[in-house]
Amino acid sequence: MMNPAMMGGGQGGPRQVYVLNRGTKRESGRKAQLSNIKAGTVVSDIIRTTLGPRSMLKMILDMMGQIQLTSDGNAILREIDVSHPAARSMIDLARTQDEEVGDGTTSVIIMAGEMLAVAEPYVQRNLHPTHIVKGYFTALDDAVQIIDQELAFPIDLKDEEAVKTIVNSCIGTKFTHRYADLMCRLAVDAVQTVKSEQQNGKLDIDVKRYAKIEKIPGGSFSDCKVLDGVMMNKDILHPKMRRRIENPRILLLDCPVEYKKGESMTNTTLSGEEDFEQLLKLEEDWIKSVCDDIIKFKPDLVVTEKGLSDLAQYYLVSNGISALRRIRKTDNNRIARATGATIVHRTSEIQEKDIGTCGLFEVRKIGDEYFSFIEQCKDPKACSIVLRGGSKDILNEIERNLHDAMAVVKNLFIDPRYICGGGATEMALSQRLMEKSKSLEGLEKLPYQAVAAALEIIPKTLADNCGARTIRVITELRAKHAGGENKSWGVNGMTGELSDMRDLKIFEPCSVKSQTIKTAIESACMLLRIDDIVSGISKKRDTKKGSTPFSGRPGHLGALGGGQQVNMMG
């Protein structure tokens, strides 16, 4: 925006031109890079104490007034509202990691923060970010290659004990580590149920869509189980409908079994006394024809995503058919996968091959609510996982832990390789990269060595969180890994002592570790290449005087580049 009043008087005089609004803040050059580094390290410091088996919990009061108790990195950062754009980018890393591999959300934030911290001295010495980024990417390529060729071990997926051992390592750092065996069994059973082989030979494991977790307060944790079918929080519609059916024929619909009302305004002109009765009779006849289409195939259970009228209930009850209505689309898809049924869009299109079956349909009362169980399916490709616990907070934490455990099993089926945990892989990588850096020349050598030093943050944090003498432990661990030996030695997260991770059976999937290192280094490179930050508030007036687009939104922080780096909303 050019302000003519601020122009110079003479033709050759200097002119002042305002391009940005006066309320806009701008940081450029080294100041912007140091600001991004500071924001990244602050975010990583928030969750640093939640890594490892001796991790601390965070209590978060969200904007809705609900309290969350968790040590899950993604769950913590999801509830934090930040003002700095670089901090927002860091928080997105945890969500990306969670969606990609399901585990390692805390590790990726800690490692990304350390990658930024070790770059700070080079930024202050005016080393160009291009050289830093080039050194980082060279180290990343070498690190992934070292993991694939030297540190990863294959696993036999038919050996259930070996799979459960790796899942145990994931659960060992969580709230539910005392029930690790049960959590392992739940995760393995759920993934084994959901997995299916595609035509190209690849495995399709969609745990998020086809393995639904049902949380029911009450009972004990030992009551948790994976159903060989599906359950829903629904009851039958009519008291005379059967509540227990063995080997039922199941029909799935996504159309209403009631008279359709006009989508827009509908006007009807009645000229005679019998016209209204004729309208009602037409509705009844239409519903009867729909029910006749259903009854013709003699199903025992009808499930529809839409409504089901009282008259339709009468016709179905008269023929001994039970019904459930207003089921979620996702639940209907799971029932279809579990029973082999096909969801029908019109009752006139029903065919015999669309009918599915299972071993048992039963409505049970748990607590104060009724649940419908469709179980004992022959070859279900979808399932429900029933979680029981003392309170909602405990159930939410169990759900997060089970999500991580299922992600670990899923990763093992897709990439059947594992590596040692407890910081052993990071220290082995650090030592190998340090050796490789001796053969490098030029300005990229220094950032390459910085990446090697930054990888030590994982064993260092594990030692910190269990109260060990960090400097002594890390020095001894470096000595153990010197010369490329003892690659499986790491930090015992319970005692803070050095141990062979193979003896402790602490392993993790290779894909999780590779994704963690890739995400951390790539995000650090992205933030280091930013040399200009422009931030401000764009005020758009509503029709009401003084109102803004964000009025009425609790906890919204208007400016992106405010004075505070990170604000935890309480």
Protein backbone atom coordinates (compact mmCIF):
# COMPACT_ATOMS: atom_id res chain seq x y z
CA MET A 1 0.00 0.00 0.00
CA MET A 2 1.49 3.35 -1.05
CA ASN A 3 0.86 6.41 1.07
CA PRO A 4 1.22 9.58 -1.12
CA ALA A 5 1.38 11.83 1.95
CA MET A 6 4.69 10.27 2.96
CA MET A 7 6.42 10.78 -0.42
CA GLY A 8 9.43 13.07 -0.72
CA GLY A 9 8.85 16.63 -1.96
CA GLY A 10 11.41 16.86 -4.81
CA GLN A 11 11.64 14.72 -7.89
CA GLY A 12 14.98 13.28 -6.84
CA GLY A 13 14.16 13.01 -3.13
CA PRO A 14 13.76 9.66 -1.29
CA ARG A 15 10.34 8.11 -1.23
CA GLN A 16 8.83 6.10 1.62
CA VAL A 17 6.59 3.27 0.48
CA TYR A 18 4.49 1.17 2.89
CA VAL A 19 3.92 -2.30 1.47
CA LEU A 20 2.63 -4.00 4.66
CA ASN A 21 -0.06 -2.89 7.06
CA ARG A 22 1.17 -1.06 10.15
CA GLY A 23 -0.04 -3.87 12.45
CA THR A 24 2.06 -6.45 10.62
CA LYS A 25 5.27 -7.82 12.17
CA ARG A 26 8.17 -8.94 10.04
CA GLU A 27 11.32 -10.86 10.92
CA SER A 28 13.95 -11.56 8.30
CA GLY A 29 17.41 -13.02 7.89
CA ARG A 30 19.25 -14.48 10.84
CA LYS A 31 16.66 -13.14 13.29
CA ALA A 32 13.91 -15.22 11.63
CA GLN A 33 16.06 -18.36 11.63
CA LEU A 34 17.00 -18.00 15.30
CA SER A 35 13.33 -17.35 16.13
CA ASN A 36 12.32 -20.59 14.39
CA ILE A 37 15.04 -22.53 16.20
CA LYS A 38 13.89 -21.14 19.55
CA ALA A 39 10.23 -22.01 18.83
CA GLY A 40 11.16 -25.59 17.83
CA THR A 41 13.24 -26.22 20.94
CA VAL A 42 10.51 -24.82 23.23
CA VAL A 43 7.95 -27.24 21.76
CA SER A 44 10.33 -30.20 22.16
CA ASP A 45 11.06 -29.20 25.78
CA ILE A 46 7.33 -29.42 26.59
CA ILE A 47 7.16 -33.18 25.97
CA ARG A 48 10.75 -34.21 26.64
CA THR A 49 9.86 -35.68 30.04
CA THR A 50 7.22 -37.98 28.48
CA LEU A 51 9.76 -40.28 26.77
CA GLY A 52 10.55 -43.73 28.12
CA PRO A 53 9.13 -46.09 30.76
CA ARG A 54 9.78 -43.58 33.57
CA SER A 55 7.95 -40.84 31.70
CA MET A 56 5.85 -38.22 33.44
CA LEU A 57 2.20 -37.49 32.66
CA LYS A 58 0.83 -34.15 31.48
CA MET A 59 -2.48 -32.79 32.74
CA ILE A 60 -4.10 -30.61 30.10
CA LEU A 61 -7.25 -28.53 30.49
CA ASP A 62 -8.57 -28.00 26.97
CA MET A 63 -10.76 -25.20 25.67
CA MET A 64 -13.93 -27.22 26.33
CA GLY A 65 -13.05 -27.50 30.02
CA GLN A 66 -12.20 -31.21 29.85
CA ILE A 67 -9.10 -32.64 31.52
CA GLN A 68 -6.72 -34.99 29.74
CA LEU A 69 -4.07 -37.06 31.52
CA THR A 70 -1.60 -38.54 29.05
CA SER A 71 2.03 -39.10 28.14
CA ASP A 72 1.28 -39.46 24.43
CA GLY A 73 3.17 -36.78 22.49
CA ASN A 74 0.53 -36.34 19.81
CA ALA A 75 -2.33 -36.10 22.33
CA ILE A 76 -0.45 -33.44 24.33
CA LEU A 77 0.52 -31.24 21.38
CA ARG A 78 -2.94 -31.57 19.84
CA GLU A 79 -4.40 -29.63 22.79
CA ILE A 80 -1.78 -26.86 22.80
CA ASP A 81 -2.59 -23.62 21.02
CA VAL A 82 0.52 -21.80 19.79
CA SER A 83 1.11 -18.39 18.28
CA HIS A 84 4.44 -18.91 16.49
CA PRO A 85 4.18 -20.34 12.94
CA ALA A 86 7.30 -22.48 13.34
CA ALA A 87 5.88 -23.97 16.54
CA ARG A 88 2.70 -24.83 14.64
CA SER A 89 4.80 -26.61 12.04
CA MET A 90 6.53 -28.63 14.78
CA ILE A 91 3.20 -29.69 16.28
CA ASP A 92 2.04 -30.89 12.87
CA LEU A 93 5.00 -33.31 12.88
CA ALA A 94 3.46 -35.33 15.71
CA ARG A 95 0.18 -35.64 13.80
CA THR A 96 2.00 -36.67 10.61
CA GLN A 97 4.01 -39.30 12.49
CA ASP A 98 0.85 -40.60 14.15
CA GLU A 99 -0.99 -40.93 10.84
CA GLU A 100 1.98 -42.45 9.01
CA VAL A 101 3.27 -45.10 11.45
CA GLY A 102 1.21 -44.57 14.63
CA ASP A 103 4.15 -44.56 17.06
CA GLY A 104 7.21 -42.42 17.78
CA THR A 105 5.30 -39.14 18.14
CA THR A 106 7.32 -38.03 21.17
CA SER A 107 10.65 -39.11 19.69
CA VAL A 108 10.14 -37.20 16.44
CA ILE A 109 9.46 -33.89 18.25
CA ILE A 110 12.45 -34.32 20.58
CA MET A 111 14.76 -35.23 17.70
CA ALA A 112 13.50 -32.39 15.46
CA GLY A 113 14.03 -29.89 18.29
CA GLU A 114 17.59 -31.13 18.80
CA MET A 115 18.32 -30.97 15.05
CA LEU A 116 17.36 -27.29 15.19
CA ALA A 117 19.34 -26.67 18.40
CA VAL A 118 22.62 -28.07 17.00
CA ALA A 119 22.24 -25.85 13.91
CA GLU A 120 22.07 -22.65 15.99
CA PRO A 121 25.89 -22.13 16.34
CA TYR A 122 26.32 -22.36 12.55
CA VAL A 123 23.52 -19.88 11.93
CA GLN A 124 25.12 -17.43 14.37
CA ARG A 125 28.44 -17.83 12.55
CA ASN A 126 26.71 -16.82 9.30
CA LEU A 127 27.05 -20.25 7.68
CA HIS A 128 24.56 -20.20 4.81
CA PRO A 129 21.45 -22.39 5.43
CA THR A 130 21.97 -24.07 2.06
CA HIS A 131 25.20 -25.67 3.32
CA ILE A 132 23.53 -26.71 6.59
CA VAL A 133 20.60 -28.29 4.75
CA LYS A 134 22.89 -30.10 2.30
CA GLY A 135 24.89 -31.60 5.18
CA TYR A 136 21.65 -32.64 6.92
CA PHE A 137 20.26 -34.41 3.84
CA THR A 138 23.56 -36.20 3.22
CA ALA A 139 23.48 -37.46 6.81
CA LEU A 140 19.84 -38.54 6.39
CA ASP A 141 20.62 -40.63 3.30
CA ASP A 142 23.54 -42.31 5.06
CA ALA A 143 21.49 -42.92 8.23
CA VAL A 144 18.67 -44.66 6.35
CA GLN A 145 21.20 -46.77 4.45
CA ILE A 146 22.99 -47.79 7.69
CA ILE A 147 19.68 -48.81 9.30
CA ASP A 148 18.67 -50.93 6.30
CA GLN A 149 22.02 -52.64 5.82
CA GLU A 150 23.57 -52.93 9.30
CA LEU A 151 21.06 -52.39 12.13
CA ALA A 152 17.78 -54.00 10.97
CA PHE A 153 16.94 -57.66 11.61
CA PRO A 154 14.22 -59.70 9.85
CA ILE A 155 11.34 -61.20 11.84
CA ASP A 156 9.19 -64.25 11.19
CA LEU A 157 5.56 -63.07 11.36
CA LYS A 158 4.39 -66.62 12.03
CA ASP A 159 6.25 -66.50 15.36
CA GLU A 160 3.61 -64.84 17.56
CA GLU A 161 5.96 -64.64 20.55
CA ALA A 162 8.47 -62.58 18.56
CA VAL A 163 5.71 -60.20 17.39
CA LYS A 164 4.37 -59.84 20.94
CA THR A 165 7.89 -59.10 22.22
CA ILE A 166 8.18 -56.10 19.89
CA VAL A 167 4.69 -54.87 20.80
CA ASN A 168 5.64 -55.29 24.47
CA SER A 169 8.52 -52.85 23.97
CA CYS A 170 6.05 -50.27 22.64
CA ILE A 171 3.60 -50.81 25.51
CA GLY A 172 6.41 -50.81 28.10
CA THR A 173 6.68 -47.01 28.02
CA LYS A 174 2.93 -46.45 28.26
CA PHE A 175 0.35 -46.17 31.03
CA THR A 176 -0.85 -49.74 30.37
CA HIS A 177 2.55 -51.45 30.73
CA ARG A 178 1.24 -53.53 33.66
CA TYR A 179 -1.25 -55.18 31.29
CA ALA A 180 1.23 -55.55 28.44
CA ASP A 181 0.32 -59.18 27.63
CA LEU A 182 -3.39 -58.37 27.28
CA MET A 183 -2.69 -55.26 25.17
CA CYS A 184 -0.39 -57.30 22.89
CA ARG A 185 -3.08 -59.93 22.40
CA LEU A 186 -5.72 -57.27 21.63
CA ALA A 187 -3.47 -55.52 19.08
CA VAL A 188 -2.33 -58.71 17.32
CA ASP A 189 -5.86 -60.18 17.18
CA ALA A 190 -7.32 -56.93 15.80
CA VAL A 191 -4.71 -56.59 13.03
CA GLN A 192 -4.92 -60.30 12.14
CA THR A 193 -8.71 -59.90 11.78
CA VAL A 194 -8.62 -56.74 9.67
CA LYS A 195 -5.78 -57.59 7.27
CA SER A 196 -6.65 -58.66 3.74
CA GLU A 197 -4.53 -59.32 0.67
CA GLN A 198 -5.03 -57.16 -2.42
CA GLN A 199 -4.86 -58.34 -6.02
CA ASN A 200 -1.31 -57.03 -6.42
CA GLY A 201 -0.16 -59.16 -3.48
CA LYS A 202 0.20 -56.27 -1.01
CA LEU A 203 -1.47 -56.34 2.39
CA ASP A 204 -4.34 -53.96 3.11
CA ILE A 205 -4.53 -53.24 6.85
CA ASP A 206 -6.98 -50.41 7.54
CA VAL A 207 -7.12 -50.50 11.33
CA LYS A 208 -8.60 -47.01 11.59
CA ARG A 209 -11.69 -47.83 9.51
CA TYR A 210 -12.39 -51.48 10.27
CA ALA A 211 -11.21 -51.99 13.88
CA LYS A 212 -13.42 -49.77 16.02
CA ILE A 213 -12.67 -49.28 19.69
CA GLU A 214 -15.78 -49.24 21.91
CA LYS A 215 -15.16 -47.69 25.35
CA ILE A 216 -17.60 -48.79 28.08
CA PRO A 217 -16.96 -47.38 31.59
CA GLY A 218 -17.10 -49.94 34.37
CA GLY A 219 -15.76 -53.44 34.80
CA SER A 220 -12.08 -54.32 34.99
CA PHE A 221 -9.34 -54.02 32.42
CA SER A 222 -9.16 -57.81 32.12
CA ASP A 223 -12.65 -57.74 30.53
CA CYS A 224 -11.26 -56.10 27.36
CA LYS A 225 -11.51 -58.29 24.27
CA VAL A 226 -11.57 -58.33 20.47
CA LEU A 227 -14.89 -59.54 19.10
CA ASP A 228 -15.06 -61.87 16.12
CA GLY A 229 -17.69 -59.50 14.76
CA VAL A 230 -19.14 -56.06 15.40
CA MET A 231 -21.01 -54.33 18.22
CA MET A 232 -23.06 -51.10 18.23
CA ASN A 233 -24.69 -48.95 20.87
CA LYS A 234 -28.18 -49.71 19.50
CA ASP A 235 -31.30 -51.52 20.70
CA ILE A 236 -34.06 -53.21 18.71
CA LEU A 237 -37.02 -51.01 17.79
CA HIS A 238 -39.97 -53.06 19.02
CA PRO A 239 -40.29 -55.00 22.30
CA LYS A 240 -41.68 -58.06 20.44
CA MET A 241 -38.68 -58.31 18.12
CA ARG A 242 -36.26 -61.15 18.89
CA ARG A 243 -33.27 -60.10 21.02
CA ARG A 244 -31.24 -63.26 20.35
CA ILE A 245 -30.98 -64.99 16.98
CA GLU A 246 -28.61 -67.82 16.11
CA ASN A 247 -27.27 -67.97 12.54
CA PRO A 248 -29.34 -64.96 11.41
CA ARG A 249 -29.77 -63.85 7.81
CA ILE A 250 -28.70 -60.18 7.78
CA LEU A 251 -29.86 -57.53 5.32
CA LEU A 252 -28.07 -54.15 5.21
CA LEU A 253 -29.78 -51.06 3.77
CA ASP A 254 -28.81 -47.43 3.35
CA CYS A 255 -32.29 -46.31 2.27
CA PRO A 256 -35.22 -45.27 4.50
CA VAL A 257 -37.98 -47.75 5.31
CA GLU A 258 -40.49 -44.93 5.75
CA TYR A 259 -42.39 -42.59 3.47
CA LYS A 260 -40.10 -39.97 1.94
CA LYS A 261 -41.03 -36.38 2.62
CA GLY A 262 -40.50 -33.71 -0.02
CA GLU A 263 -36.97 -32.30 -0.02
CA SER A 264 -38.26 -28.78 -0.71
CA MET A 265 -41.59 -27.09 -0.02
CA THR A 266 -44.42 -29.32 -1.26
CA ASN A 267 -48.00 -28.06 -1.73
CA THR A 268 -50.92 -30.46 -1.98
CA THR A 269 -54.43 -29.36 -2.97
CA LEU A 270 -57.25 -31.47 -1.54
CA SER A 271 -60.58 -31.00 -3.32
CA GLY A 272 -62.64 -33.83 -1.82
CA GLU A 273 -63.32 -35.24 1.65
CA GLU A 274 -61.62 -38.55 0.89
CA ASP A 275 -58.45 -37.04 -0.61
CA PHE A 276 -56.57 -36.93 2.69
CA GLU A 277 -57.41 -40.55 3.43
CA GLN A 278 -56.28 -41.42 -0.08
CA LEU A 279 -52.91 -39.72 0.59
CA LEU A 280 -52.42 -41.71 3.80
CA LYS A 281 -53.36 -44.93 2.00
CA LEU A 282 -50.79 -44.21 -0.72
CA GLU A 283 -48.11 -43.80 1.96
CA GLU A 284 -49.16 -47.04 3.65
CA ASP A 285 -49.19 -48.90 0.34
CA TRP A 286 -45.69 -47.65 -0.49
CA ILE A 287 -44.35 -48.74 2.92
CA LYS A 288 -46.06 -52.14 2.52
CA SER A 289 -44.46 -52.63 -0.89
CA VAL A 290 -41.03 -51.82 0.56
CA CYS A 291 -41.57 -54.26 3.43
CA ASP A 292 -42.80 -56.94 1.00
CA ASP A 293 -39.52 -56.58 -0.93
CA ILE A 294 -37.66 -57.20 2.35
CA ILE A 295 -39.88 -60.02 3.65
CA LYS A 296 -39.59 -61.89 0.33
CA PHE A 297 -35.96 -62.81 1.15
CA LYS A 298 -36.80 -63.92 4.73
CA PRO A 299 -34.06 -62.05 6.62
CA ASP A 300 -33.86 -62.38 10.41
CA LEU A 301 -32.24 -58.96 10.96
CA VAL A 302 -32.61 -55.73 8.97
CA VAL A 303 -30.10 -52.92 9.55
CA THR A 304 -30.65 -49.52 7.93
CA GLU A 305 -28.73 -46.25 8.07
CA LYS A 306 -31.94 -44.22 7.72
CA GLY A 307 -35.30 -44.19 9.48
CA LEU A 308 -37.81 -47.01 9.89
CA SER A 309 -41.46 -46.05 10.48
CA ASP A 310 -43.92 -47.53 13.00
CA LEU A 311 -45.95 -49.15 10.22
CA ALA A 312 -42.83 -50.79 8.82
CA GLN A 313 -42.02 -52.08 12.31
CA TYR A 314 -45.50 -53.69 12.42
CA TYR A 315 -44.97 -55.54 9.15
CA LEU A 316 -41.48 -56.70 10.19
CA VAL A 317 -42.60 -57.86 13.66
CA SER A 318 -45.49 -59.77 12.08
CA ASN A 319 -42.93 -61.75 10.06
CA GLY A 320 -40.47 -62.32 12.92
CA ILE A 321 -37.86 -59.87 11.67
CA SER A 322 -35.74 -57.77 14.09
CA ALA A 323 -34.53 -54.33 12.99
CA LEU A 324 -31.96 -51.65 13.85
CA ARG A 325 -32.18 -48.14 12.43
CA ARG A 326 -30.04 -45.00 12.07
CA ILE A 327 -26.75 -46.90 12.13
CA ARG A 328 -23.62 -44.92 11.27
CA LYS A 329 -22.24 -45.41 7.78
CA THR A 330 -18.93 -46.62 9.22
CA ASP A 331 -20.71 -49.22 11.40
CA ASN A 332 -22.70 -50.44 8.41
CA ASN A 333 -19.47 -50.87 6.41
CA ARG A 334 -17.95 -52.88 9.28
CA ILE A 335 -21.02 -55.15 9.48
CA ALA A 336 -20.77 -55.71 5.72
CA ARG A 337 -17.08 -56.71 6.01
CA ALA A 338 -17.75 -58.98 9.00
CA THR A 339 -20.86 -60.80 7.69
CA GLY A 340 -20.19 -60.83 3.96
CA ALA A 341 -23.37 -58.87 3.24
CA THR A 342 -23.73 -56.16 0.60
CA ILE A 343 -25.25 -52.77 1.44
CA VAL A 344 -28.37 -52.33 -0.72
CA HIS A 345 -29.51 -48.89 -1.92
CA ARG A 346 -33.08 -49.79 -2.94
CA THR A 347 -35.28 -52.57 -1.61
CA SER A 348 -36.35 -53.39 -5.18
CA GLU A 349 -32.70 -54.29 -5.97
CA ILE A 350 -32.24 -56.88 -3.20
CA GLN A 351 -30.73 -60.19 -4.36
CA GLU A 352 -29.97 -63.40 -2.52
CA LYS A 353 -26.21 -62.79 -2.71
CA ASP A 354 -26.67 -59.53 -0.76
CA ILE A 355 -27.72 -61.41 2.39
CA GLY A 356 -25.00 -61.92 5.01
CA THR A 357 -24.81 -64.17 8.05
CA CYS A 358 -23.05 -64.65 11.38
CA GLY A 359 -23.11 -67.11 14.26
CA LEU A 360 -25.09 -65.02 16.75
CA PHE A 361 -27.02 -61.76 17.00
CA GLU A 362 -27.80 -60.66 20.54
CA VAL A 363 -28.81 -57.49 22.37
CA ARG A 364 -27.14 -57.19 25.79
CA LYS A 365 -27.40 -54.61 28.53
CA ILE A 366 -24.06 -53.32 29.83
CA GLY A 367 -24.39 -50.75 32.58
CA ASP A 368 -27.38 -48.58 31.73
CA GLU A 369 -27.22 -48.97 27.95
CA TYR A 370 -28.12 -51.63 25.40
CA PHE A 371 -25.60 -52.91 22.85
CA SER A 372 -26.24 -55.05 19.78
CA PHE A 373 -23.64 -57.76 19.12
CA ILE A 374 -23.15 -59.39 15.71
CA GLU A 375 -20.48 -61.98 16.45
CA GLN A 376 -19.14 -65.48 15.80
CA CYS A 377 -18.57 -64.54 12.15
CA LYS A 378 -16.74 -67.15 10.06
CA ASP A 379 -14.13 -64.97 8.33
CA PRO A 380 -14.61 -61.40 9.58
CA LYS A 381 -12.58 -58.65 7.95
CA ALA A 382 -13.73 -56.09 10.54
CA CYS A 383 -14.02 -56.17 14.31
CA SER A 384 -14.91 -54.22 17.43
CA ILE A 385 -12.54 -53.94 20.38
CA VAL A 386 -14.36 -53.67 23.72
CA LEU A 387 -12.44 -51.68 26.35
CA ARG A 388 -13.51 -51.66 30.00
CA GLY A 389 -12.06 -49.42 32.70
CA GLY A 390 -12.79 -47.48 35.85
CA SER A 391 -13.21 -43.99 34.36
CA LYS A 392 -13.31 -42.13 31.06
CA ASP A 393 -9.79 -40.75 31.57
CA ILE A 394 -8.38 -44.27 31.97
CA LEU A 395 -10.34 -45.51 28.95
CA ASN A 396 -9.07 -42.64 26.79
CA GLU A 397 -5.47 -43.40 27.74
CA ILE A 398 -5.97 -47.13 27.11
CA GLU A 399 -7.41 -46.28 23.68
CA ARG A 400 -4.35 -44.16 22.80
CA ASN A 401 -1.99 -46.94 23.94
CA LEU A 402 -3.91 -49.57 22.00
CA HIS A 403 -3.81 -47.39 18.89
CA ASP A 404 0.00 -47.26 19.15
CA ALA A 405 0.20 -51.03 19.72
CA MET A 406 -1.97 -51.78 16.65
CA ALA A 407 0.17 -49.41 14.59
CA VAL A 408 3.31 -51.34 15.63
CA VAL A 409 1.75 -54.66 14.59
CA LYS A 410 0.57 -53.13 11.31
CA ASN A 411 4.08 -51.82 10.56
CA LEU A 412 5.56 -55.26 11.26
CA PHE A 413 3.20 -56.93 8.79
CA ILE A 414 4.00 -54.35 6.10
CA ASP A 415 7.78 -54.24 6.79
CA PRO A 416 8.81 -57.35 8.80
CA ARG A 417 12.04 -55.97 10.26
CA TYR A 418 12.96 -54.74 13.72
CA ILE A 419 15.79 -52.83 15.39
CA CYS A 420 17.01 -52.44 18.96
CA GLY A 421 15.39 -49.77 21.15
CA GLY A 422 16.58 -47.98 24.28
CA GLY A 423 18.68 -45.49 22.31
CA ALA A 424 20.95 -48.27 20.97
CA THR A 425 20.11 -47.57 17.31
CA GLU A 426 20.58 -43.80 17.71
CA MET A 427 23.98 -44.21 19.39
CA ALA A 428 25.13 -46.74 16.77
CA LEU A 429 24.01 -44.35 14.03
CA SER A 430 25.79 -41.46 15.72
CA GLN A 431 29.08 -43.37 15.87
CA ARG A 432 28.86 -44.55 12.24
CA LEU A 433 28.04 -41.05 10.98
CA MET A 434 30.96 -39.60 12.94
CA GLU A 435 33.28 -42.12 11.25
CA LYS A 436 31.86 -41.31 7.82
CA SER A 437 32.23 -37.57 8.38
CA LYS A 438 36.04 -37.97 8.41
CA SER A 439 35.93 -38.71 4.68
CA LEU A 440 33.89 -35.57 3.90
CA GLU A 441 35.29 -32.23 2.83
CA GLY A 442 33.88 -28.73 2.61
CA LEU A 443 31.33 -26.79 4.64
CA GLU A 444 28.82 -29.68 4.70
CA LYS A 445 31.09 -31.63 7.08
CA LEU A 446 30.14 -29.56 10.14
CA PRO A 447 26.32 -29.95 9.81
CA TYR A 448 26.86 -33.65 9.03
CA GLN A 449 28.64 -34.05 12.37
CA ALA A 450 25.92 -31.99 14.07
CA VAL A 451 23.31 -34.55 12.96
CA ALA A 452 25.45 -37.33 14.44
CA ALA A 453 25.64 -35.43 17.76
CA ALA A 454 21.90 -34.66 17.73
CA LEU A 455 20.98 -38.36 17.48
CA GLU A 456 22.37 -38.85 21.00
CA ILE A 457 19.40 -36.89 22.40
CA ILE A 458 17.24 -40.05 22.62
CA PRO A 459 19.54 -42.08 24.97
CA LYS A 460 20.35 -38.83 26.80
CA THR A 461 16.65 -38.13 27.42
CA LEU A 462 16.01 -41.72 28.55
CA ALA A 463 18.82 -41.40 31.09
CA ASP A 464 17.50 -38.00 32.22
CA ASN A 465 13.94 -39.22 32.77
CA CYS A 466 14.93 -42.11 35.04
CA GLY A 467 17.22 -39.97 37.21
CA ALA A 468 20.57 -41.39 36.06
CA ARG A 469 23.84 -39.47 35.82
CA THR A 470 23.43 -38.48 32.21
CA ILE A 471 26.99 -37.43 31.33
CA ARG A 472 28.54 -40.58 32.81
CA VAL A 473 25.96 -42.89 31.17
CA ILE A 474 26.30 -41.31 27.71
CA THR A 475 30.13 -41.33 27.93
CA GLU A 476 30.10 -45.05 28.82
CA LEU A 477 27.61 -45.77 26.01
CA ARG A 478 29.85 -43.95 23.49
CA ALA A 479 32.76 -46.09 24.63
CA LYS A 480 30.66 -49.25 24.21
CA HIS A 481 29.76 -48.32 20.64
CA ALA A 482 33.29 -47.20 19.69
CA GLY A 483 34.71 -49.10 16.73
CA GLY A 484 31.24 -50.28 15.59
CA GLU A 485 30.89 -52.91 18.33
CA ASN A 486 28.05 -53.59 20.80
CA LYS A 487 25.43 -52.14 18.44
CA SER A 488 22.61 -53.53 20.57
CA TRP A 489 23.70 -51.77 23.79
CA GLY A 490 21.50 -48.92 25.03
CA VAL A 491 20.05 -47.30 28.14
CA ASN A 492 17.78 -49.30 30.43
CA GLY A 493 14.90 -46.84 30.82
CA MET A 494 13.89 -48.30 34.19
CA THR A 495 17.26 -48.18 36.00
CA GLY A 496 19.35 -45.79 33.89
CA GLU A 497 22.11 -48.40 33.49
CA LEU A 498 23.66 -49.67 30.26
CA SER A 499 22.23 -52.96 29.04
CA ASP A 500 22.10 -55.16 25.97
CA MET A 501 18.70 -54.51 24.44
CA ARG A 502 18.58 -58.07 23.08
CA ASP A 503 18.75 -59.44 26.62
CA LEU A 504 15.99 -57.06 27.76
CA LYS A 505 14.00 -57.80 24.56
CA ILE A 506 13.46 -54.11 23.80
CA PHE A 507 12.83 -53.79 20.08
CA GLU A 508 10.85 -51.56 17.75
CA PRO A 509 9.79 -51.75 14.08
CA CYS A 510 12.36 -50.58 11.56
CA SER A 511 9.77 -48.46 9.71
CA VAL A 512 8.99 -46.40 12.84
CA LYS A 513 12.62 -45.48 13.44
CA SER A 514 13.28 -44.67 9.77
CA GLN A 515 10.19 -42.48 9.60
CA THR A 516 11.15 -40.69 12.84
CA ILE A 517 14.62 -39.76 11.56
CA LYS A 518 13.32 -38.76 8.13
CA THR A 519 10.57 -36.53 9.54
CA ALA A 520 12.84 -34.89 12.13
CA ILE A 521 15.64 -34.00 9.69
CA GLU A 522 13.35 -32.92 6.85
CA SER A 523 11.30 -30.65 9.12
CA ALA A 524 14.46 -29.10 10.59
CA CYS A 525 15.73 -28.40 7.08
CA MET A 526 12.44 -26.81 6.11
CA LEU A 527 12.49 -24.44 9.10
CA LEU A 528 16.16 -23.54 8.60
CA ARG A 529 15.47 -22.47 5.01
CA ILE A 530 12.95 -19.84 6.16
CA ASP A 531 14.53 -16.37 6.07
CA ASP A 532 11.43 -14.17 6.34
CA ILE A 533 8.39 -14.32 8.64
CA VAL A 534 5.50 -11.95 8.01
CA SER A 535 2.68 -12.15 10.54
CA GLY A 536 -0.26 -10.05 11.61
CA ILE A 537 -4.01 -9.87 12.11
CA SER A 538 -6.36 -9.29 9.19
CA LYS A 539 -9.47 -7.63 10.62
CA LYS A 540 -12.62 -8.29 8.64
CA ARG A 541 -15.62 -6.49 10.01
CA ASP A 542 -18.94 -8.27 10.29
CA THR A 543 -22.28 -6.54 9.86
CA LYS A 544 -22.26 -5.87 13.60
CA LYS A 545 -19.98 -3.05 14.62
CA GLY A 546 -16.75 -4.18 16.26
CA SER A 547 -17.25 -7.92 15.70
CA THR A 548 -14.52 -9.99 14.08
CA PRO A 549 -14.56 -13.37 12.31
CA PHE A 550 -13.13 -15.00 15.45
CA SER A 551 -15.54 -13.48 17.96
CA GLY A 552 -17.07 -16.14 20.16
CA ARG A 553 -14.22 -18.62 19.68
CA PRO A 554 -12.73 -19.39 23.09
CA GLY A 555 -8.99 -19.66 23.40
CA HIS A 556 -8.20 -18.28 19.94
CA LEU A 557 -4.85 -16.53 19.73
CA GLY A 558 -5.17 -13.86 17.05
CA ALA A 559 -1.60 -13.02 16.08
CA LEU A 560 0.66 -15.67 14.57
CA GLY A 561 3.85 -13.95 15.56
CA GLY A 562 3.03 -12.70 19.03
CA GLY A 563 5.49 -12.18 21.84
CA GLN A 564 4.97 -15.60 23.43
CA GLN A 565 6.46 -18.57 21.62
CA VAL A 566 4.03 -21.22 22.91
CA ASN A 567 0.87 -20.76 24.93
CA MET A 568 -0.71 -23.71 26.70
CA MET A 569 -4.40 -22.99 26.85
CA GLY A 570 -6.01 -23.73 30.19
